[in-house]
Structure formats: structure tokens, C-alpha cells
N, C-alpha and C. Protein backbone atom coordinates (compact mmCIF):
# COMPACT_ATOMS: atom_id res chain seq x y z
N MET A 1 -2.18 7.94 -15.22
CA MET A 1 -2.00 7.41 -14.67
C MET A 1 -1.31 6.45 -13.94
N ILE A 2 -1.59 6.07 -13.04
CA ILE A 2 -0.60 4.94 -12.91
C ILE A 2 -1.17 3.67 -11.93
N ASN A 3 -1.06 2.41 -12.32
CA ASN A 3 -1.35 1.27 -12.00
C ASN A 3 -0.94 0.65 -10.42
N VAL A 4 -1.59 0.25 -9.87
CA VAL A 4 -1.29 -0.09 -8.33
C VAL A 4 -1.89 -1.36 -7.69
N THR A 5 -1.52 -1.88 -6.36
CA THR A 5 -1.80 -3.27 -6.40
C THR A 5 -1.82 -2.65 -4.50
N LEU A 6 -3.31 -2.60 -4.05
CA LEU A 6 -3.40 -2.07 -2.31
C LEU A 6 -3.48 -3.82 -1.93
N ILE A 7 -2.75 -4.43 -1.08
CA ILE A 7 -3.01 -5.73 -0.40
C ILE A 7 -3.07 -5.50 0.90
N ASN A 8 -4.55 -5.09 1.80
CA ASN A 8 -4.46 -4.63 2.79
C ASN A 8 -5.03 -5.87 3.74
N SER A 9 -4.60 -6.54 4.55
CA SER A 9 -5.16 -7.50 5.73
C SER A 9 -6.44 -7.16 6.78
N GLN A 10 -6.61 -6.37 6.17
CA GLN A 10 -7.73 -4.70 7.14
C GLN A 10 -9.68 -5.09 6.55
N SER A 11 -8.81 -5.70 4.99
CA SER A 11 -9.53 -5.38 4.50
C SER A 11 -10.84 -6.70 3.70
N ASP A 12 -11.93 -6.85 3.46
CA ASP A 12 -12.70 -7.42 2.87
C ASP A 12 -12.07 -7.69 1.44
N SER A 13 -11.67 -6.79 0.88
CA SER A 13 -10.76 -6.67 -0.43
C SER A 13 -9.56 -6.65 -0.28
N GLU A 14 -9.14 -8.00 -0.35
CA GLU A 14 -7.72 -8.11 0.06
C GLU A 14 -6.43 -7.56 -1.02
N ASN A 15 -6.95 -8.00 -2.30
CA ASN A 15 -6.24 -7.80 -3.45
C ASN A 15 -7.05 -6.63 -4.24
N LEU A 16 -6.58 -5.69 -3.84
CA LEU A 16 -7.43 -4.30 -4.99
C LEU A 16 -6.47 -3.71 -5.78
N LYS A 17 -6.89 -3.57 -7.22
CA LYS A 17 -5.98 -3.28 -8.56
C LYS A 17 -6.86 -1.83 -8.37
N GLN A 18 -5.64 -0.35 -8.80
CA GLN A 18 -6.31 0.81 -8.79
C GLN A 18 -5.59 1.29 -9.79
N GLN A 19 -6.18 2.45 -10.66
CA GLN A 19 -5.46 3.68 -11.63
C GLN A 19 -5.76 4.85 -10.40
N LEU A 20 -4.57 5.14 -10.53
CA LEU A 20 -4.67 6.09 -9.99
C LEU A 20 -3.92 7.54 -10.61
N PRO A 21 -4.48 8.96 -10.22
CA PRO A 21 -3.35 9.99 -10.92
C PRO A 21 -2.54 10.28 -10.36
N ASP A 22 -1.04 10.15 -11.72
CA ASP A 22 -0.18 10.11 -11.53
C ASP A 22 0.32 11.63 -10.11
N GLU A 23 1.57 11.59 -9.73
CA GLU A 23 1.50 12.22 -8.68
C GLU A 23 1.22 11.80 -6.89
N THR A 24 0.16 11.05 -7.54
CA THR A 24 -0.17 10.69 -6.03
C THR A 24 0.88 10.35 -5.42
N THR A 25 0.66 9.90 -3.41
CA THR A 25 1.15 9.80 -2.61
C THR A 25 1.26 8.37 -2.26
N TYR A 26 1.61 8.03 -1.52
CA TYR A 26 1.93 6.51 -0.57
C TYR A 26 0.61 7.21 0.94
N ARG A 27 0.82 8.54 1.10
CA ARG A 27 -0.06 9.18 2.60
C ARG A 27 -1.53 9.06 1.43
N GLU A 28 -1.74 10.16 0.34
CA GLU A 28 -2.86 9.58 -0.22
C GLU A 28 -3.43 8.66 -0.52
N LEU A 29 -2.97 7.43 -1.15
CA LEU A 29 -3.50 6.56 -1.51
C LEU A 29 -4.12 5.94 -0.38
N LEU A 30 -3.21 5.57 1.08
CA LEU A 30 -3.61 4.95 2.42
C LEU A 30 -4.63 5.73 2.82
N SER A 31 -5.11 6.91 2.61
CA SER A 31 -6.49 7.92 3.08
C SER A 31 -7.36 7.59 2.06
N PHE A 32 -6.96 7.27 0.62
CA PHE A 32 -8.45 7.02 -0.02
C PHE A 32 -8.77 6.01 0.07
N ASN A 33 -8.67 4.96 0.35
CA ASN A 33 -8.53 3.55 0.85
C ASN A 33 -9.21 3.43 2.18
N LYS A 34 -9.21 4.10 3.05
CA LYS A 34 -9.74 4.48 4.39
C LYS A 34 -8.50 3.34 5.35
N VAL A 35 -6.74 3.22 5.08
CA VAL A 35 -6.17 1.94 5.11
C VAL A 35 -5.76 2.79 6.89
N ASN A 36 -6.15 2.47 7.82
CA ASN A 36 -5.84 2.67 8.86
C ASN A 36 -4.23 1.67 9.34
N THR A 37 -2.99 2.63 9.70
CA THR A 37 -1.91 2.60 9.47
C THR A 37 -1.34 1.99 10.72
N ASN A 38 -2.24 2.24 11.90
CA ASN A 38 -1.87 2.49 13.15
C ASN A 38 -1.71 1.09 13.63
N LYS A 39 -0.88 0.61 14.36
CA LYS A 39 -0.04 -0.75 14.61
C LYS A 39 0.01 -2.00 13.36
N MET A 40 0.62 -0.87 12.18
CA MET A 40 0.22 -2.07 10.79
C MET A 40 1.75 -1.44 10.08
N VAL A 41 2.28 -2.81 9.38
CA VAL A 41 3.37 -2.22 8.29
C VAL A 41 3.04 -2.43 7.28
N VAL A 42 3.81 -0.83 6.61
CA VAL A 42 3.61 -0.76 5.08
C VAL A 42 5.03 -0.64 4.33
N THR A 43 4.61 -2.12 3.83
CA THR A 43 5.86 -2.51 2.56
C THR A 43 5.35 -1.77 1.33
N VAL A 44 6.95 -1.96 0.38
CA VAL A 44 5.94 -1.59 -0.60
C VAL A 44 7.34 -2.44 -2.01
N ARG A 45 6.99 -2.84 -2.94
CA ARG A 45 7.25 -3.38 -3.86
C ARG A 45 7.32 -2.61 -5.36
N VAL A 46 8.15 -2.56 -6.04
CA VAL A 46 8.21 -2.58 -7.20
C VAL A 46 9.06 -3.92 -7.89
N ASP A 47 8.74 -4.14 -8.88
CA ASP A 47 9.29 -5.17 -10.24
C ASP A 47 9.51 -6.29 -9.21
N GLY A 48 8.13 -6.27 -7.85
CA GLY A 48 9.18 -7.92 -6.97
C GLY A 48 10.52 -7.26 -6.37
N GLU A 49 11.18 -6.23 -6.40
CA GLU A 49 12.21 -5.58 -5.01
C GLU A 49 11.50 -4.64 -4.13
N LYS A 50 11.30 -4.86 -2.82
CA LYS A 50 11.21 -4.07 -1.27
C LYS A 50 12.13 -3.23 -1.83
N VAL A 51 11.39 -1.85 -1.81
CA VAL A 51 12.02 -0.40 -1.80
C VAL A 51 11.74 0.40 -0.82
N SER A 52 12.36 1.38 -0.59
CA SER A 52 12.25 2.49 0.67
C SER A 52 11.53 3.36 0.08
N PHE A 53 10.77 3.58 1.16
CA PHE A 53 10.06 5.04 0.86
C PHE A 53 9.37 5.58 1.80
N ASP A 54 8.55 7.28 1.59
CA ASP A 54 8.48 7.59 3.03
C ASP A 54 7.35 8.22 2.16
N LEU A 55 6.22 8.13 3.37
CA LEU A 55 4.36 8.56 2.66
C LEU A 55 4.36 9.35 2.06
N ASP A 56 4.99 10.35 1.88
CA ASP A 56 4.89 11.69 1.26
C ASP A 56 5.30 11.28 0.02
N ASP A 57 6.16 10.48 -0.82
CA ASP A 57 6.72 9.85 -1.53
C ASP A 57 5.73 10.09 -2.68
N VAL A 58 5.82 10.45 -4.16
CA VAL A 58 4.93 9.74 -4.68
C VAL A 58 4.77 7.88 -5.35
N VAL A 59 3.78 7.30 -5.68
CA VAL A 59 3.95 5.86 -6.25
C VAL A 59 3.95 5.88 -7.05
N GLU A 60 5.14 5.00 -7.55
CA GLU A 60 5.82 4.06 -8.88
C GLU A 60 4.56 3.83 -9.44
N ASP A 61 4.58 3.88 -11.03
CA ASP A 61 3.79 2.96 -11.34
C ASP A 61 4.02 1.01 -11.53
N GLY A 62 3.03 0.51 -11.64
CA GLY A 62 3.15 -1.11 -10.59
C GLY A 62 3.80 -0.90 -9.43
N ALA A 63 3.72 -0.14 -8.39
CA ALA A 63 3.98 -0.64 -7.14
C ALA A 63 2.54 -1.60 -6.39
N ARG A 64 3.50 -2.27 -5.69
CA ARG A 64 2.08 -3.65 -4.93
C ARG A 64 2.81 -2.96 -3.57
N VAL A 65 1.47 -2.19 -3.10
CA VAL A 65 1.60 -1.61 -1.44
C VAL A 65 0.75 -3.27 -0.53
N THR A 66 1.91 -3.51 0.65
CA THR A 66 0.96 -4.43 1.19
C THR A 66 1.11 -4.06 2.80
N VAL A 67 -0.19 -4.19 2.92
CA VAL A 67 -0.59 -3.81 5.04
C VAL A 67 -0.84 -4.85 5.44
N THR A 68 0.30 -4.77 6.40
CA THR A 68 -0.24 -6.13 7.74
C THR A 68 0.36 -5.73 8.89
N PRO A 69 -0.57 -6.63 10.04
CA PRO A 69 -0.27 -6.47 11.27
C PRO A 69 1.39 -5.83 11.67
N GLU A 70 1.74 -5.28 12.48
CA GLU A 70 2.97 -5.39 12.85
C GLU A 70 3.24 -6.64 13.84
N GLU A 71 2.21 -6.91 14.22
CA GLU A 71 2.44 -8.76 15.02
C GLU A 71 1.43 -9.31 14.51
N ILE A 72 1.76 -10.86 14.31
CA ILE A 72 0.80 -11.71 14.04
C ILE A 72 0.78 -12.70 15.02
N LYS A 73 -0.37 -12.76 15.86
CA LYS A 73 -0.59 -13.90 16.92
C LYS A 73 -0.83 -14.90 16.60
N GLY A 74 -0.27 -15.89 17.52
CA GLY A 74 -0.34 -17.23 16.34
C GLY A 74 -1.85 -17.61 17.20
N ALA A 75 -2.03 -18.87 16.89
CA ALA A 75 -3.78 -19.50 17.43
C ALA A 75 -3.07 -20.62 18.55
């Protein structure tokens, strides 16, 4: 099992800590949590450092996955 934090600005539960099976991909993580990535940016950090990833890569233990809008409109 791996530990992951999903921070999703689209969700009522913005900061969600989860345990996932080993070999879970980022695509599976987002799909399982019903995250709509249309017009959204997905950022992954491991140990505080931003990492490059592909949606079909396996999620690393301790990853912090953040989903935010591509554009944030001011008030």
C-alpha cells in the first residue's frame, strides 16, 4: 500500500489522504476520485519537489497530487 494526498479544488473534501494499492497509476487515482481534469492542471510533488509525470505512471508513496484550474479568474 502507498500513501497519497489528493488536493482537489473541485471537491468539497479538498485535502484527502488515501492509501492505495501498489502499482496504482495517476490516471486510476484521478478516475477513482472522480476528478474531472478538463481545463485543470495536475501537479505532483514528492518530498516537496515538483516531479514530471505521465498519467499512466505509477503513483509514488508519499506523493502530493494537486488539481487546480488552468485559469483562475479574479473577483
